[in-house]
């Protein structure tokens, strides 16, 4: 699978999924390569695995301060 996490492209696999209310799904995604989630030249913070809730379009309801979904999954 592939998509974007906090604006950074990723590939990975779904480790766990469970159904939620309203057609949403709780996902645990393991990235193939860690994703640096900090937008700073001074330090980094890498994520190897995340938990998120996505809708039927593969987007999280949670958004960044500029209105972008935290996770956007690419269509299969």
N, C-alpha and C. Protein backbone atom coordinates (compact mmCIF):
# COMPACT_ATOMS: atom_id res chain seq x y z
N UNK A 1 0.83 -1.17 0.00
CA UNK A 1 0.00 0.00 0.00
C UNK A 1 0.88 1.23 0.00
N UNK A 2 0.30 2.36 -0.39
CA UNK A 2 1.05 3.61 -0.40
C UNK A 2 0.10 4.77 -0.10
N UNK A 3 0.70 5.91 0.18
CA UNK A 3 -0.09 7.09 0.48
C UNK A 3 0.79 8.20 1.01
N UNK A 4 0.16 9.11 1.77
CA UNK A 4 0.88 10.22 2.37
C UNK A 4 0.55 10.28 3.86
N UNK A 5 1.57 10.52 4.67
CA UNK A 5 1.39 10.72 6.11
C UNK A 5 2.00 12.06 6.46
N UNK A 6 1.18 12.98 6.94
CA UNK A 6 1.61 14.35 7.26
C UNK A 6 2.35 14.97 6.08
N UNK A 7 1.87 14.68 4.87
CA UNK A 7 2.43 15.27 3.66
C UNK A 7 3.62 14.53 3.09
N UNK A 8 4.09 13.48 3.74
CA UNK A 8 5.24 12.70 3.28
C UNK A 8 4.75 11.41 2.63
N UNK A 9 5.27 11.09 1.46
CA UNK A 9 4.92 9.85 0.78
C UNK A 9 5.43 8.65 1.55
N UNK A 10 4.69 7.55 1.50
CA UNK A 10 5.13 6.32 2.16
C UNK A 10 4.63 5.11 1.40
N UNK A 11 5.30 3.99 1.63
CA UNK A 11 4.81 2.67 1.28
C UNK A 11 4.86 1.85 2.56
N UNK A 12 4.00 0.85 2.66
CA UNK A 12 3.97 0.05 3.87
C UNK A 12 2.93 -1.03 3.78
N UNK A 13 2.57 -1.55 4.95
CA UNK A 13 1.58 -2.61 5.01
C UNK A 13 0.65 -2.36 6.18
N UNK A 14 -0.56 -2.88 6.05
CA UNK A 14 -1.52 -2.80 7.14
C UNK A 14 -1.27 -3.95 8.09
N UNK A 15 -0.97 -3.63 9.32
CA UNK A 15 -0.70 -4.64 10.35
C UNK A 15 -1.99 -5.09 11.02
N UNK A 16 -2.93 -4.15 11.19
CA UNK A 16 -4.21 -4.49 11.83
C UNK A 16 -5.29 -3.56 11.30
N UNK A 17 -6.51 -4.08 11.26
CA UNK A 17 -7.67 -3.28 10.85
C UNK A 17 -8.88 -3.75 11.65
N UNK A 18 -9.70 -2.78 12.02
CA UNK A 18 -10.98 -3.15 12.64
C UNK A 18 -12.02 -2.12 12.25
N UNK A 19 -13.24 -2.60 12.12
CA UNK A 19 -14.37 -1.75 11.71
C UNK A 19 -14.74 -0.79 12.83
N UNK A 20 -15.19 0.39 12.44
CA UNK A 20 -15.66 1.38 13.39
C UNK A 20 -17.04 1.88 12.95
N UNK A 21 -17.63 2.69 13.74
CA UNK A 21 -18.96 3.24 13.45
C UNK A 21 -18.90 4.11 12.20
N UNK A 22 -19.96 4.06 11.41
CA UNK A 22 -20.08 4.94 10.25
C UNK A 22 -19.22 4.54 9.06
N UNK A 23 -18.81 3.29 8.99
CA UNK A 23 -18.01 2.84 7.86
C UNK A 23 -16.54 3.19 7.94
N UNK A 24 -16.10 3.73 9.07
CA UNK A 24 -14.69 4.05 9.26
C UNK A 24 -13.93 2.80 9.67
N UNK A 25 -12.61 2.87 9.52
CA UNK A 25 -11.76 1.74 9.90
C UNK A 25 -10.57 2.23 10.72
N UNK A 26 -10.28 1.52 11.80
CA UNK A 26 -9.07 1.77 12.59
C UNK A 26 -7.95 0.96 11.95
N UNK A 27 -6.86 1.62 11.57
CA UNK A 27 -5.74 0.93 10.93
C UNK A 27 -4.47 1.10 11.75
N UNK A 28 -3.65 0.07 11.74
CA UNK A 28 -2.27 0.17 12.18
C UNK A 28 -1.44 -0.05 10.93
N UNK A 29 -0.64 0.96 10.57
CA UNK A 29 0.17 0.90 9.35
C UNK A 29 1.64 0.86 9.75
N UNK A 30 2.38 -0.08 9.16
CA UNK A 30 3.83 -0.18 9.36
C UNK A 30 4.49 0.30 8.07
N UNK A 31 5.32 1.34 8.18
CA UNK A 31 6.00 1.89 7.01
C UNK A 31 7.19 1.02 6.61
N UNK A 32 7.43 0.94 5.30
CA UNK A 32 8.62 0.23 4.81
C UNK A 32 9.89 0.96 5.23
N UNK A 33 9.85 2.28 5.16
CA UNK A 33 10.96 3.14 5.61
C UNK A 33 10.39 4.15 6.59
N UNK A 34 11.08 4.45 7.69
CA UNK A 34 10.56 5.42 8.66
C UNK A 34 10.28 6.77 7.99
N UNK A 35 9.25 7.46 8.48
CA UNK A 35 8.85 8.75 7.96
C UNK A 35 9.23 9.83 8.98
N UNK A 36 9.97 10.85 8.54
CA UNK A 36 10.34 11.98 9.39
C UNK A 36 9.15 12.94 9.44
N UNK A 37 8.58 13.12 10.62
CA UNK A 37 7.37 13.93 10.75
C UNK A 37 7.65 15.37 11.16
N UNK A 38 8.91 15.76 11.26
CA UNK A 38 9.27 17.11 11.67
C UNK A 38 9.70 17.92 10.45
N UNK A 39 9.20 19.15 10.37
CA UNK A 39 9.58 20.04 9.27
C UNK A 39 10.63 21.03 9.75
N UNK A 40 11.74 20.52 10.20
CA UNK A 40 12.81 21.36 10.73
C UNK A 40 14.15 20.86 10.22
N UNK A 41 15.05 21.79 9.99
CA UNK A 41 16.41 21.42 9.60
C UNK A 41 17.26 21.07 10.82
N UNK A 42 16.77 21.36 12.01
CA UNK A 42 17.55 21.20 13.23
C UNK A 42 17.42 19.83 13.88
N UNK A 43 16.33 19.15 13.68
CA UNK A 43 16.17 17.82 14.27
C UNK A 43 15.15 17.02 13.48
N UNK A 44 15.06 15.74 13.79
CA UNK A 44 14.14 14.82 13.11
C UNK A 44 13.40 13.98 14.14
N UNK A 45 12.25 13.49 13.75
CA UNK A 45 11.49 12.55 14.57
C UNK A 45 10.84 11.56 13.60
N UNK A 46 11.31 10.33 13.65
CA UNK A 46 10.86 9.33 12.69
C UNK A 46 9.76 8.45 13.27
N UNK A 47 8.80 8.10 12.41
CA UNK A 47 7.74 7.17 12.77
C UNK A 47 7.89 5.93 11.90
N UNK A 48 7.82 4.78 12.52
CA UNK A 48 7.90 3.50 11.82
C UNK A 48 6.52 2.87 11.68
N UNK A 49 5.62 3.22 12.61
CA UNK A 49 4.29 2.64 12.64
C UNK A 49 3.32 3.69 13.18
N UNK A 50 2.10 3.71 12.65
CA UNK A 50 1.08 4.64 13.13
C UNK A 50 -0.26 3.94 13.28
N UNK A 51 -1.12 4.53 14.08
CA UNK A 51 -2.51 4.13 14.19
C UNK A 51 -3.34 5.30 13.67
N UNK A 52 -4.39 5.00 12.92
CA UNK A 52 -5.24 6.06 12.39
C UNK A 52 -6.64 5.52 12.14
N UNK A 53 -7.58 6.44 11.93
CA UNK A 53 -8.95 6.09 11.57
C UNK A 53 -9.22 6.73 10.22
N UNK A 54 -9.57 5.91 9.22
CA UNK A 54 -9.83 6.43 7.88
C UNK A 54 -11.28 6.20 7.49
N UNK A 55 -11.76 7.06 6.58
CA UNK A 55 -13.11 6.91 6.04
C UNK A 55 -13.07 6.03 4.79
N UNK A 56 -14.19 5.91 4.10
CA UNK A 56 -14.25 5.06 2.90
C UNK A 56 -13.35 5.57 1.77
N UNK A 57 -13.01 6.86 1.79
CA UNK A 57 -12.13 7.43 0.77
C UNK A 57 -10.65 7.25 1.12
N UNK A 58 -10.35 6.63 2.27
CA UNK A 58 -8.97 6.41 2.67
C UNK A 58 -8.30 7.65 3.23
N UNK A 59 -9.09 8.53 3.85
CA UNK A 59 -8.56 9.76 4.45
C UNK A 59 -8.94 9.81 5.92
N UNK A 60 -8.03 10.36 6.73
CA UNK A 60 -8.35 10.52 8.14
C UNK A 60 -9.25 11.72 8.35
N UNK A 61 -10.03 11.65 9.40
CA UNK A 61 -10.83 12.80 9.80
C UNK A 61 -9.93 13.86 10.46
N UNK A 62 -8.90 13.41 11.16
CA UNK A 62 -7.95 14.33 11.79
C UNK A 62 -7.17 15.06 10.71
N UNK A 63 -6.96 16.35 10.92
CA UNK A 63 -6.28 17.18 9.92
C UNK A 63 -5.17 18.00 10.56
N UNK A 64 -4.21 18.39 9.73
CA UNK A 64 -3.14 19.27 10.18
C UNK A 64 -3.68 20.69 10.30
N UNK A 65 -2.88 21.60 10.82
CA UNK A 65 -3.33 22.98 11.00
C UNK A 65 -3.65 23.67 9.68
N UNK A 66 -3.10 23.17 8.57
CA UNK A 66 -3.43 23.77 7.27
C UNK A 66 -4.58 23.04 6.57
N UNK A 67 -5.27 22.14 7.29
CA UNK A 67 -6.48 21.51 6.77
C UNK A 67 -6.28 20.22 5.99
N UNK A 68 -5.05 19.71 5.92
CA UNK A 68 -4.79 18.48 5.19
C UNK A 68 -4.99 17.27 6.11
N UNK A 69 -5.59 16.17 5.58
CA UNK A 69 -5.75 14.97 6.40
C UNK A 69 -4.38 14.43 6.83
N UNK A 70 -4.31 13.87 8.04
CA UNK A 70 -3.05 13.28 8.52
C UNK A 70 -2.59 12.17 7.58
N UNK A 71 -3.54 11.31 7.17
CA UNK A 71 -3.22 10.18 6.31
C UNK A 71 -4.14 10.22 5.08
N UNK A 72 -3.54 10.03 3.91
CA UNK A 72 -4.28 9.87 2.66
C UNK A 72 -3.74 8.61 2.00
N UNK A 73 -4.60 7.60 1.85
CA UNK A 73 -4.19 6.35 1.22
C UNK A 73 -4.45 6.43 -0.27
N UNK A 74 -3.52 5.89 -1.07
CA UNK A 74 -3.70 5.83 -2.51
C UNK A 74 -4.71 4.75 -2.86
N UNK A 75 -5.47 4.97 -3.92
CA UNK A 75 -6.44 3.98 -4.38
C UNK A 75 -5.71 2.76 -4.91
N UNK A 76 -6.27 1.60 -4.65
CA UNK A 76 -5.64 0.35 -5.10
C UNK A 76 -5.93 0.09 -6.55
